[in-house]
C-alpha atoms as a PDB file:
ATOM      1  CA  MET A   1       0.000   0.000   0.000  1.00  0.00           C
ATOM      2  CA  ALA A   2       1.308   3.453  -0.929  1.00  0.00           C
ATOM      3  CA  THR A   3       2.157   5.700   1.988  1.00  0.00           C
ATOM      4  CA  LYS A   4       2.458   9.453   2.267  1.00  0.00           C
ATOM      5  CA  LYS A   5       6.082   9.005   3.348  1.00  0.00           C
ATOM      6  CA  GLN A   6       6.908   7.039   0.151  1.00  0.00           C
ATOM      7  CA  VAL A   7       5.301   9.693  -2.045  1.00  0.00           C
ATOM      8  CA  GLU A   8       7.025  12.538  -0.172  1.00  0.00           C
ATOM      9  CA  LYS A   9      10.381  10.816  -0.747  1.00  0.00           C
ATOM     10  CA  ILE A  10       9.678  10.588  -4.500  1.00  0.00           C
ATOM     11  CA  VAL A  11       8.558  14.235  -4.630  1.00  0.00           C
ATOM     12  CA  LYS A  12      11.698  15.308  -2.762  1.00  0.00           C
ATOM     13  CA  LYS A  13      13.876  13.378  -5.243  1.00  0.00           C
ATOM     14  CA  TYR A  14      12.221  14.807  -8.369  1.00  0.00           C
ATOM     15  CA  GLN A  15      11.485  18.393  -7.267  1.00  0.00           C
ATOM     16  CA  PRO A  16      15.003  19.647  -8.125  1.00  0.00           C
ATOM     17  CA  ILE A  17      15.181  17.532 -11.294  1.00  0.00           C
ATOM     18  CA  LEU A  18      11.928  19.078 -12.569  1.00  0.00           C
ATOM     19  CA  LYS A  19      13.001  22.552 -11.391  1.00  0.00           C
ATOM     20  CA  MET A  20      10.076  22.689  -8.961  1.00  0.00           C
ATOM     21  CA  ASN A  21      12.015  23.699  -5.839  1.00  0.00           C
ATOM     22  CA  ASP A  22       9.804  26.757  -5.358  1.00  0.00           C
ATOM     23  CA  TRP A  23       6.576  24.731  -5.610  1.00  0.00           C
ATOM     24  CA  ILE A  24       4.532  23.793  -2.552  1.00  0.00           C
ATOM     25  CA  ILE A  25       3.482  20.182  -3.085  1.00  0.00           C
ATOM     26  CA  LYS A  26       0.861  18.671  -0.812  1.00  0.00           C
ATOM     27  CA  ILE A  27       0.160  14.954  -0.873  1.00  0.00           C
ATOM     28  CA  ASP A  28      -2.820  12.854   0.090  1.00  0.00           C
ATOM     29  CA  ILE A  29      -3.239   9.107  -0.161  1.00  0.00           C
ATOM     30  CA  VAL A  30      -6.860   8.294  -0.994  1.00  0.00           C
ATOM     31  CA  ASN A  31      -9.069   5.376  -1.957  1.00  0.00           C
ATOM     32  CA  GLN A  32     -10.427   4.726  -5.440  1.00  0.00           C
ATOM     33  CA  LYS A  33     -13.876   6.157  -4.586  1.00  0.00           C
ATOM     34  CA  ASN A  34     -12.296   9.465  -3.522  1.00  0.00           C
ATOM     35  CA  LEU A  35     -10.162   9.581  -6.661  1.00  0.00           C
ATOM     36  CA  HIS A  36     -13.207   9.059  -8.857  1.00  0.00           C
ATOM     37  CA  GLN A  37     -14.958  11.917  -7.052  1.00  0.00           C
ATOM     38  CA  LEU A  38     -11.902  14.166  -7.418  1.00  0.00           C
ATOM     39  CA  TYR A  39     -11.453  13.118 -11.043  1.00  0.00           C
ATOM     40  CA  ASN A  40     -15.189  13.438 -11.676  1.00  0.00           C
ATOM     41  CA  LYS A  41     -15.489   9.954 -13.183  1.00  0.00           C
ATOM     42  CA  SER A  42     -17.966   7.189 -12.611  1.00  0.00           C
ATOM     43  CA  LYS A  43     -16.892   4.108 -10.689  1.00  0.00           C
ATOM     44  CA  LYS A  44     -17.416   2.000 -13.811  1.00  0.00           C
ATOM     45  CA  GLU A  45     -14.503   3.671 -15.575  1.00  0.00           C
ATOM     46  CA  THR A  46     -10.936   2.444 -15.303  1.00  0.00           C
ATOM     47  CA  GLU A  47      -8.799   2.778 -12.227  1.00  0.00           C
ATOM     48  CA  VAL A  48      -7.406   6.214 -11.535  1.00  0.00           C
ATOM     49  CA  TYR A  49      -3.897   6.058 -10.043  1.00  0.00           C
ATOM     50  CA  GLY A  50      -3.442   9.701  -9.215  1.00  0.00           C
ATOM     51  CA  THR A  51      -4.635  13.194  -9.952  1.00  0.00           C
ATOM     52  CA  ALA A  52      -3.438  16.695  -9.218  1.00  0.00           C
ATOM     53  CA  PHE A  53      -5.014  20.072  -8.638  1.00  0.00           C
ATOM     54  CA  ILE A  54      -2.728  22.857  -9.700  1.00  0.00           C
ATOM     55  CA  LYS A  55      -2.551  26.591  -9.035  1.00  0.00           C
ATOM     56  CA  GLY A  56       0.354  27.385 -11.312  1.00  0.00           C
ATOM     57  CA  SER A  57       0.370  31.096 -10.588  1.00  0.00           C
ATOM     58  CA  GLU A  58       0.917  30.288  -6.907  1.00  0.00           C
ATOM     59  CA  HIS A  59       3.201  27.290  -7.563  1.00  0.00           C
ATOM     60  CA  LEU A  60       0.913  25.077  -5.526  1.00  0.00           C
ATOM     61  CA  ILE A  61      -0.020  21.498  -6.348  1.00  0.00           C
ATOM     62  CA  ASN A  62      -2.113  18.989  -4.432  1.00  0.00           C
ATOM     63  CA  ILE A  63      -1.315  15.433  -5.517  1.00  0.00           C
ATOM     64  CA  TYR A  64      -3.751  12.658  -4.699  1.00  0.00           C
ATOM     65  CA  ILE A  65      -2.423   9.102  -5.050  1.00  0.00           C
ATOM     66  CA  TRP A  66      -4.477   5.925  -4.877  1.00  0.00           C
ATOM     67  CA  GLU A  67      -3.626   3.960  -1.753  1.00  0.00           C
ATOM     68  CA  LYS A  68      -3.183   0.791  -3.855  1.00  0.00           C
ATOM     69  CA  ALA A  69      -1.313   2.537  -6.662  1.00  0.00           C
ATOM     70  CA  GLU A  70       1.503  -0.001  -6.544  1.00  0.00           C
ATOM     71  CA  LYS A  71      -0.977  -2.750  -7.450  1.00  0.00           C
ATOM     72  CA  ASN A  72      -2.312  -1.013 -10.559  1.00  0.00           C
ATOM     73  CA  THR A  73      -3.290  -3.128 -13.540  1.00  0.00           C
ATOM     74  CA  ILE A  74      -0.679  -1.716 -15.937  1.00  0.00           C
ATOM     75  CA  ASN A  75       2.298  -2.220 -13.615  1.00  0.00           C
ATOM     76  CA  LEU A  76       3.327   1.421 -13.315  1.00  0.00           C
ATOM     77  CA  SER A  77       5.767   2.095 -10.523  1.00  0.00           C
ATOM     78  CA  LEU A  78       4.655   4.419  -7.741  1.00  0.00           C
ATOM     79  CA  GLU A  79       7.515   6.652  -8.849  1.00  0.00           C
ATOM     80  CA  ALA A  80       6.070   6.840 -12.380  1.00  0.00           C
ATOM     81  CA  ILE A  81       2.627   7.792 -11.073  1.00  0.00           C
ATOM     82  CA  VAL A  82       3.963  10.553  -8.802  1.00  0.00           C
ATOM     83  CA  VAL A  83       6.336  12.013 -11.402  1.00  0.00           C
ATOM     84  CA  HIS A  84       3.504  11.956 -13.969  1.00  0.00           C
ATOM     85  CA  GLU A  85       1.376  14.131 -11.675  1.00  0.00           C
ATOM     86  CA  MET A  86       4.304  16.486 -11.056  1.00  0.00           C
ATOM     87  CA  VAL A  87       4.839  16.883 -14.807  1.00  0.00           C
ATOM     88  CA  HIS A  88       1.164  17.821 -15.132  1.00  0.00           C
ATOM     89  CA  ALA A  89       1.923  20.827 -12.932  1.00  0.00           C
ATOM     90  CA  ILE A  90       4.554  21.969 -15.425  1.00  0.00           C
ATOM     91  CA  THR A  91       2.281  21.562 -18.467  1.00  0.00           C
ATOM     92  CA  ASP A  92      -0.858  22.888 -16.821  1.00  0.00           C
ATOM     93  CA  SER A  93      -0.450  26.540 -17.866  1.00  0.00           C
ATOM     94  CA  LEU A  94       0.080  25.460 -21.490  1.00  0.00           C
ATOM     95  CA  GLN A  95      -3.062  23.351 -21.390  1.00  0.00           C
ATOM     96  CA  GLU A  96      -5.075  26.210 -19.866  1.00  0.00           C
ATOM     97  CA  ALA A  97      -3.819  28.678 -22.488  1.00  0.00           C
ATOM     98  CA  ILE A  98      -4.715  26.294 -25.330  1.00  0.00           C
ATOM     99  CA  ILE A  99      -8.197  25.751 -23.935  1.00  0.00           C
ATOM    100  CA  ILE A 100      -8.812  29.505 -23.536  1.00  0.00           C
ATOM    101  CA  LEU A 101      -7.571  30.162 -27.068  1.00  0.00           C
ATOM    102  CA  LEU A 102      -9.630  27.349 -28.567  1.00  0.00           C
ATOM    103  CA  ASP A 103     -12.722  28.570 -26.761  1.00  0.00           C
ATOM    104  CA  LYS A 104     -12.330  31.911 -28.561  1.00  0.00           C
ATOM    105  CA  ILE A 105     -11.579  30.618 -32.060  1.00  0.00           C
ATOM    106  CA  ILE A 106     -13.329  27.255 -32.432  1.00  0.00           C
ATOM    107  CA  ASP A 107     -16.954  26.825 -33.359  1.00  0.00           C
ATOM    108  CA  LYS A 108     -18.908  25.863 -30.242  1.00  0.00           C
ATOM    109  CA  SER A 109     -20.425  22.842 -31.982  1.00  0.00           C
ATOM    110  CA  VAL A 110     -17.012  21.135 -32.260  1.00  0.00           C
ATOM    111  CA  ILE A 111     -15.294  22.423 -29.112  1.00  0.00           C
ATOM    112  CA  ASP A 112     -15.828  19.202 -27.127  1.00  0.00           C
ATOM    113  CA  THR A 113     -14.263  17.101 -29.874  1.00  0.00           C
ATOM    114  CA  VAL A 114     -11.305  19.446 -30.254  1.00  0.00           C
ATOM    115  CA  LEU A 115     -10.783  19.572 -26.485  1.00  0.00           C
ATOM    116  CA  TYR A 116     -10.835  15.774 -26.352  1.00  0.00           C
ATOM    117  CA  PHE A 117      -7.900  15.652 -28.783  1.00  0.00           C
ATOM    118  CA  VAL A 118      -6.028  18.486 -27.038  1.00  0.00           C
ATOM    119  CA  ASN A 119      -6.377  16.781 -23.656  1.00  0.00           C
ATOM    120  CA  ARG A 120      -5.392  13.407 -25.125  1.00  0.00           C
ATOM    121  CA  ASP A 121      -2.278  14.887 -26.742  1.00  0.00           C
ATOM    122  CA  ILE A 122      -1.287  16.816 -23.602  1.00  0.00           C
ATOM    123  CA  GLU A 123      -1.571  13.525 -21.723  1.00  0.00           C
ATOM    124  CA  ARG A 124       0.759  11.911 -24.269  1.00  0.00           C
ATOM    125  CA  ILE A 125       3.255  14.766 -23.852  1.00  0.00           C
ATOM    126  CA  VAL A 126       3.117  14.348 -20.068  1.00  0.00           C
ATOM    127  CA  ASP A 127       3.686  10.594 -20.487  1.00  0.00           C
ATOM    128  CA  TRP A 128       6.734  11.174 -22.708  1.00  0.00           C
ATOM    129  CA  ILE A 129       8.265  13.765 -20.386  1.00  0.00           C
ATOM    130  CA  THR A 130       7.630  11.445 -17.433  1.00  0.00           C
ATOM    131  CA  ARG A 131       9.286   8.589 -19.267  1.00  0.00           C
ATOM    132  CA  ILE A 132      12.359  10.684 -20.144  1.00  0.00           C
ATOM    133  CA  VAL A 133      12.712  11.957 -16.569  1.00  0.00           C
ATOM    134  CA  LEU A 134      12.353   8.468 -15.097  1.00  0.00           C
ATOM    135  CA  GLU A 135      14.727   6.776 -17.515  1.00  0.00           C
ATOM    136  CA  SER A 136      17.380   9.461 -17.108  1.00  0.00           C
ATOM    137  CA  ASN A 137      17.179   8.966 -13.346  1.00  0.00           C
ATOM    138  CA  GLY A 138      17.395   5.188 -13.244  1.00  0.00           C
ATOM    139  CA  ASP A 139      13.773   4.017 -13.087  1.00  0.00           C
ATOM    140  CA  SER A 140      13.907   0.641 -14.796  1.00  0.00           C
ATOM    141  CA  PHE A 141      10.168   0.124 -15.196  1.00  0.00           C
ATOM    142  CA  MET A 142      10.030   1.627 -18.647  1.00  0.00           C
ATOM    143  CA  ALA A 143      12.962  -0.456 -19.887  1.00  0.00           C
ATOM    144  CA  LYS A 144      11.367  -3.652 -18.531  1.00  0.00           C
ATOM    145  CA  THR A 145       8.122  -2.827 -20.293  1.00  0.00           C
ATOM    146  CA  ASP A 146       9.961  -2.065 -23.542  1.00  0.00           C
ATOM    147  CA  ASN A 147      11.793  -5.403 -23.320  1.00  0.00           C
ATOM    148  CA  LYS A 148       8.502  -7.265 -22.881  1.00  0.00           C
ATOM    149  CA  LEU A 149       7.028  -5.496 -25.900  1.00  0.00           C
ATOM    150  CA  GLU A 150      10.182  -6.128 -27.941  1.00  0.00           C
ATOM    151  CA  ASN A 151      10.093  -9.860 -27.104  1.00  0.00           C
ATOM    152  CA  ILE A 152       6.434 -10.077 -28.094  1.00  0.00           C
ATOM    153  CA  SER A 153       7.254  -8.295 -31.337  1.00  0.00           C
ATOM    154  CA  LYS A 154      10.146 -10.693 -32.071  1.00  0.00           C
ATOM    155  CA  LYS A 155       7.947 -13.742 -31.454  1.00  0.00           C
ATOM    156  CA  THR A 156       5.248 -12.311 -33.709  1.00  0.00           C
ATOM    157  CA  SER A 157       7.660 -11.500 -36.528  1.00  0.00           C
ATOM    158  CA  LYS A 158       9.318 -14.956 -36.327  1.00  0.00           C
ATOM    159  CA  SER A 159       5.982 -16.698 -36.650  1.00  0.00           C
ATOM    160  CA  SER A 160       4.993 -14.562 -39.602  1.00  0.00           C
ATOM    161  CA  LYS A 161       6.219 -15.742 -43.006  1.00  0.00           C
ATOM    162  CA  LYS A 162       4.920 -12.741 -44.912  1.00  0.00           C
ATOM    163  CA  THR A 163       7.287 -10.040 -46.078  1.00  0.00           C
ATOM    164  CA  ILE A 164       6.621  -6.844 -47.911  1.00  0.00           C
ATOM    165  CA  ASN A 165       9.104  -5.473 -50.396  1.00  0.00           C
ATOM    166  CA  PHE A 166       8.948  -1.855 -51.368  1.00  0.00           C
ATOM    167  CA  GLU A 167      10.418  -0.950 -54.703  1.00  0.00           C
ATOM    168  CA  PHE A 168      10.510   2.510 -56.148  1.00  0.00           C
ATOM    169  CA  ASP A 169      11.452   3.271 -59.717  1.00  0.00           C
ATOM    170  CA  PHE A 170      11.877   6.993 -60.053  1.00  0.00           C
ATOM    171  CA  ASN A 171      13.007   8.412 -63.347  1.00  0.00           C
ATOM    172  CA  GLU A 172      13.311  11.979 -64.485  1.00  0.00           C
ATOM    173  CA  SER A 173       9.898  12.138 -66.110  1.00  0.00           C
ATOM    174  CA  ASP A 174       8.192  11.082 -62.849  1.00  0.00           C
ATOM    175  CA  THR A 175       9.867  13.730 -60.722  1.00  0.00           C
ATOM    176  CA  ASP A 176      10.181  16.619 -63.193  1.00  0.00           C
ATOM    177  CA  THR A 177       7.921  19.415 -61.997  1.00  0.00           C
ATOM    178  CA  ASN A 178       8.831  21.921 -64.701  1.00  0.00           C
ATOM    179  CA  GLU A 179       6.695  20.375 -67.447  1.00  0.00           C
END
């Protein structure tokens, strides 16, 4: 079970790395029901491992971590979950600015769809930054996961007998744009 002390230790390790020394970071360990309420999701949706509420202008972040975060279904390390939430604090002002801008320039009938893609892509950016930070600081989880995926890929490609050959035959008449 995740403890506040474990999370505080991770925050203390990554605060200087993420240049967040001047941030006030508060931590709470909560159950899944509380996380769903904080995250505003129904209980039927997937597990939520952590969430953060950010006041970037005040450099304040409240991080809420699921008490059973270490037993999550996708095998993320507690360190990965905490760092992910810290990275959200860094990207939060960008996300807010994009949303404000989109609200002014996008047709209201498509705003929800556009915001879905913006939020999805911000989440991907946060995941990539988290991964880079973790790997550059010795977290082996990502490498283990990559090795598993690579082994699956090798097994799949060995069992497959199909190959695709790409051949291109460019000559001057195909690429001449001055005609």
